[in-house]
């Protein structure tokens, strides 16, 4: 059996009607299946076209549209992400300084 990465591409004429499984939906965005299913439950990702026990399928065109919109939103929010990263680094440095001041070097410092 071949890996999913080795499968041939879908012809453009079939892309609108093609159905894909959950692991493929998640792998498209390099996410886990549980993350993908949570996005579906929350209503952020498209619902499955076929929902049967152990056999849910999503429309390829809907999944493509979801990931395309998510990528555009992410690129628009890159400045906000940089601000959050900077804030987290400041908080981490403050926590380290507080830990050193309160506990001393303790187990994190050099051994005598």
C-alpha atoms as a PDB file:
ATOM      1  CA  UNK A   1       0.000   0.000   0.000  1.00  0.00           C
ATOM      2  CA  UNK A   2       1.330   3.462  -0.813  1.00  0.00           C
ATOM      3  CA  UNK A   3       1.616   6.371   1.570  1.00  0.00           C
ATOM      4  CA  UNK A   4      -0.866   9.212   1.216  1.00  0.00           C
ATOM      5  CA  UNK A   5       1.986  11.429   0.060  1.00  0.00           C
ATOM      6  CA  UNK A   6       2.612   9.122  -2.880  1.00  0.00           C
ATOM      7  CA  UNK A   7      -0.945   9.169  -4.223  1.00  0.00           C
ATOM      8  CA  UNK A   8      -1.547  10.809  -7.593  1.00  0.00           C
ATOM      9  CA  UNK A   9      -3.120  14.256  -7.615  1.00  0.00           C
ATOM     10  CA  UNK A  10      -6.856  14.606  -8.172  1.00  0.00           C
ATOM     11  CA  UNK A  11      -7.895  15.762 -11.645  1.00  0.00           C
ATOM     12  CA  UNK A  12      -9.396  19.279 -11.563  1.00  0.00           C
ATOM     13  CA  UNK A  13     -12.706  18.002 -12.948  1.00  0.00           C
ATOM     14  CA  UNK A  14     -13.143  15.745  -9.898  1.00  0.00           C
ATOM     15  CA  UNK A  15     -11.923  18.188  -7.238  1.00  0.00           C
ATOM     16  CA  UNK A  16     -15.397  19.616  -6.606  1.00  0.00           C
ATOM     17  CA  UNK A  17     -16.959  16.218  -5.940  1.00  0.00           C
ATOM     18  CA  UNK A  18     -14.013  14.401  -4.340  1.00  0.00           C
ATOM     19  CA  UNK A  19     -14.438  13.224  -0.737  1.00  0.00           C
ATOM     20  CA  UNK A  20     -11.553  12.861   1.714  1.00  0.00           C
ATOM     21  CA  UNK A  21     -11.236  11.381   5.203  1.00  0.00           C
ATOM     22  CA  UNK A  22     -10.422  13.132   8.483  1.00  0.00           C
ATOM     23  CA  UNK A  23      -6.714  12.260   8.609  1.00  0.00           C
ATOM     24  CA  UNK A  24      -6.277  13.739   5.134  1.00  0.00           C
ATOM     25  CA  UNK A  25      -8.137  16.913   6.166  1.00  0.00           C
ATOM     26  CA  UNK A  26      -5.876  17.319   9.183  1.00  0.00           C
ATOM     27  CA  UNK A  27      -2.699  16.456   7.275  1.00  0.00           C
ATOM     28  CA  UNK A  28      -3.476  19.174   4.738  1.00  0.00           C
ATOM     29  CA  UNK A  29      -2.747  21.743   7.439  1.00  0.00           C
ATOM     30  CA  UNK A  30      -0.138  19.665   9.278  1.00  0.00           C
ATOM     31  CA  UNK A  31      -2.447  19.257  12.283  1.00  0.00           C
ATOM     32  CA  UNK A  32      -3.578  16.260  14.316  1.00  0.00           C
ATOM     33  CA  UNK A  33      -6.835  14.435  13.706  1.00  0.00           C
ATOM     34  CA  UNK A  34      -8.113  15.349  17.184  1.00  0.00           C
ATOM     35  CA  UNK A  35      -7.446  19.042  16.437  1.00  0.00           C
ATOM     36  CA  UNK A  36      -9.348  18.748  13.157  1.00  0.00           C
ATOM     37  CA  UNK A  37     -12.323  17.048  14.806  1.00  0.00           C
ATOM     38  CA  UNK A  38     -12.431  19.753  17.491  1.00  0.00           C
ATOM     39  CA  UNK A  39     -12.496  22.426  14.770  1.00  0.00           C
ATOM     40  CA  UNK A  40     -15.441  20.589  13.159  1.00  0.00           C
ATOM     41  CA  UNK A  41     -17.264  20.279  16.520  1.00  0.00           C
ATOM     42  CA  UNK A  42     -16.757  23.995  17.194  1.00  0.00           C
ATOM     43  CA  UNK A  43     -18.166  24.877  13.777  1.00  0.00           C
ATOM     44  CA  UNK A  44     -14.984  26.511  12.481  1.00  0.00           C
ATOM     45  CA  UNK A  45     -14.176  23.741   9.987  1.00  0.00           C
ATOM     46  CA  UNK A  46     -16.672  22.432   7.438  1.00  0.00           C
ATOM     47  CA  UNK A  47     -18.977  19.632   8.573  1.00  0.00           C
ATOM     48  CA  UNK A  48     -18.582  16.205   6.984  1.00  0.00           C
ATOM     49  CA  UNK A  49     -20.678  15.410   3.931  1.00  0.00           C
ATOM     50  CA  UNK A  50     -20.960  11.775   5.005  1.00  0.00           C
ATOM     51  CA  UNK A  51     -21.114  11.002   8.710  1.00  0.00           C
ATOM     52  CA  UNK A  52     -21.242   7.305   9.504  1.00  0.00           C
ATOM     53  CA  UNK A  53     -19.542   5.399  12.315  1.00  0.00           C
ATOM     54  CA  UNK A  54     -15.843   5.216  11.394  1.00  0.00           C
ATOM     55  CA  UNK A  55     -16.530   6.554   7.897  1.00  0.00           C
ATOM     56  CA  UNK A  56     -16.840  10.367   7.864  1.00  0.00           C
ATOM     57  CA  UNK A  57     -15.899  12.145   4.645  1.00  0.00           C
ATOM     58  CA  UNK A  58     -15.455  15.819   3.805  1.00  0.00           C
ATOM     59  CA  UNK A  59     -15.764  17.618   0.499  1.00  0.00           C
ATOM     60  CA  UNK A  60     -12.305  18.390  -0.858  1.00  0.00           C
ATOM     61  CA  UNK A  61     -13.413  21.796  -2.140  1.00  0.00           C
ATOM     62  CA  UNK A  62     -14.803  22.783   1.300  1.00  0.00           C
ATOM     63  CA  UNK A  63     -11.596  21.677   3.037  1.00  0.00           C
ATOM     64  CA  UNK A  64      -9.469  23.602   0.523  1.00  0.00           C
ATOM     65  CA  UNK A  65     -11.571  26.720   1.115  1.00  0.00           C
ATOM     66  CA  UNK A  66     -11.223  26.320   4.899  1.00  0.00           C
ATOM     67  CA  UNK A  67      -7.434  26.035   4.804  1.00  0.00           C
ATOM     68  CA  UNK A  68      -7.134  28.880   2.300  1.00  0.00           C
ATOM     69  CA  UNK A  69      -9.202  31.190   4.530  1.00  0.00           C
ATOM     70  CA  UNK A  70      -7.231  30.106   7.603  1.00  0.00           C
ATOM     71  CA  UNK A  71      -3.929  30.888   5.851  1.00  0.00           C
ATOM     72  CA  UNK A  72      -5.137  34.354   4.843  1.00  0.00           C
ATOM     73  CA  UNK A  73      -6.312  35.060   8.397  1.00  0.00           C
ATOM     74  CA  UNK A  74      -3.009  33.850   9.837  1.00  0.00           C
ATOM     75  CA  UNK A  75      -0.951  36.090   7.573  1.00  0.00           C
ATOM     76  CA  UNK A  76      -3.145  39.071   8.519  1.00  0.00           C
ATOM     77  CA  UNK A  77      -2.637  38.300  12.211  1.00  0.00           C
ATOM     78  CA  UNK A  78       1.141  37.858  12.102  1.00  0.00           C
ATOM     79  CA  UNK A  79       1.700  41.200  13.820  1.00  0.00           C
ATOM     80  CA  UNK A  80      -0.615  40.188  16.663  1.00  0.00           C
ATOM     81  CA  UNK A  81       1.261  36.888  16.957  1.00  0.00           C
ATOM     82  CA  UNK A  82       4.573  38.751  17.224  1.00  0.00           C
ATOM     83  CA  UNK A  83       3.139  40.876  20.040  1.00  0.00           C
ATOM     84  CA  UNK A  84       1.932  37.792  21.922  1.00  0.00           C
ATOM     85  CA  UNK A  85       5.336  36.137  21.493  1.00  0.00           C
ATOM     86  CA  UNK A  86       7.126  39.216  22.833  1.00  0.00           C
ATOM     87  CA  UNK A  87       4.755  39.404  25.813  1.00  0.00           C
ATOM     88  CA  UNK A  88       5.295  35.700  26.568  1.00  0.00           C
ATOM     89  CA  UNK A  89       9.079  36.126  26.455  1.00  0.00           C
ATOM     90  CA  UNK A  90       8.906  39.072  28.868  1.00  0.00           C
ATOM     91  CA  UNK A  91       6.705  37.063  31.238  1.00  0.00           C
ATOM     92  CA  UNK A  92       9.065  34.088  31.057  1.00  0.00           C
ATOM     93  CA  UNK A  93      12.106  36.261  31.804  1.00  0.00           C
ATOM     94  CA  UNK A  94      10.275  37.881  34.728  1.00  0.00           C
ATOM     95  CA  UNK A  95       9.351  34.453  36.124  1.00  0.00           C
ATOM     96  CA  UNK A  96      12.960  33.265  35.833  1.00  0.00           C
ATOM     97  CA  UNK A  97      14.214  36.380  37.617  1.00  0.00           C
ATOM     98  CA  UNK A  98      11.644  35.941  40.380  1.00  0.00           C
ATOM     99  CA  UNK A  99      12.544  32.270  40.775  1.00  0.00           C
ATOM    100  CA  UNK A 100      16.252  33.075  41.069  1.00  0.00           C
ATOM    101  CA  UNK A 101      15.549  35.877  43.556  1.00  0.00           C
ATOM    102  CA  UNK A 102      13.206  33.759  45.681  1.00  0.00           C
ATOM    103  CA  UNK A 103      14.862  30.341  45.560  1.00  0.00           C
ATOM    104  CA  UNK A 104      18.379  31.356  44.712  1.00  0.00           C
ATOM    105  CA  UNK A 105      20.213  29.338  42.133  1.00  0.00           C
ATOM    106  CA  UNK A 106      19.188  26.080  43.822  1.00  0.00           C
ATOM    107  CA  UNK A 107      19.019  23.115  41.486  1.00  0.00           C
ATOM    108  CA  UNK A 108      19.300  25.259  38.351  1.00  0.00           C
ATOM    109  CA  UNK A 109      22.651  26.818  39.219  1.00  0.00           C
ATOM    110  CA  UNK A 110      26.186  25.439  39.091  1.00  0.00           C
ATOM    111  CA  UNK A 111      27.108  22.752  41.601  1.00  0.00           C
ATOM    112  CA  UNK A 112      29.843  23.615  44.114  1.00  0.00           C
END
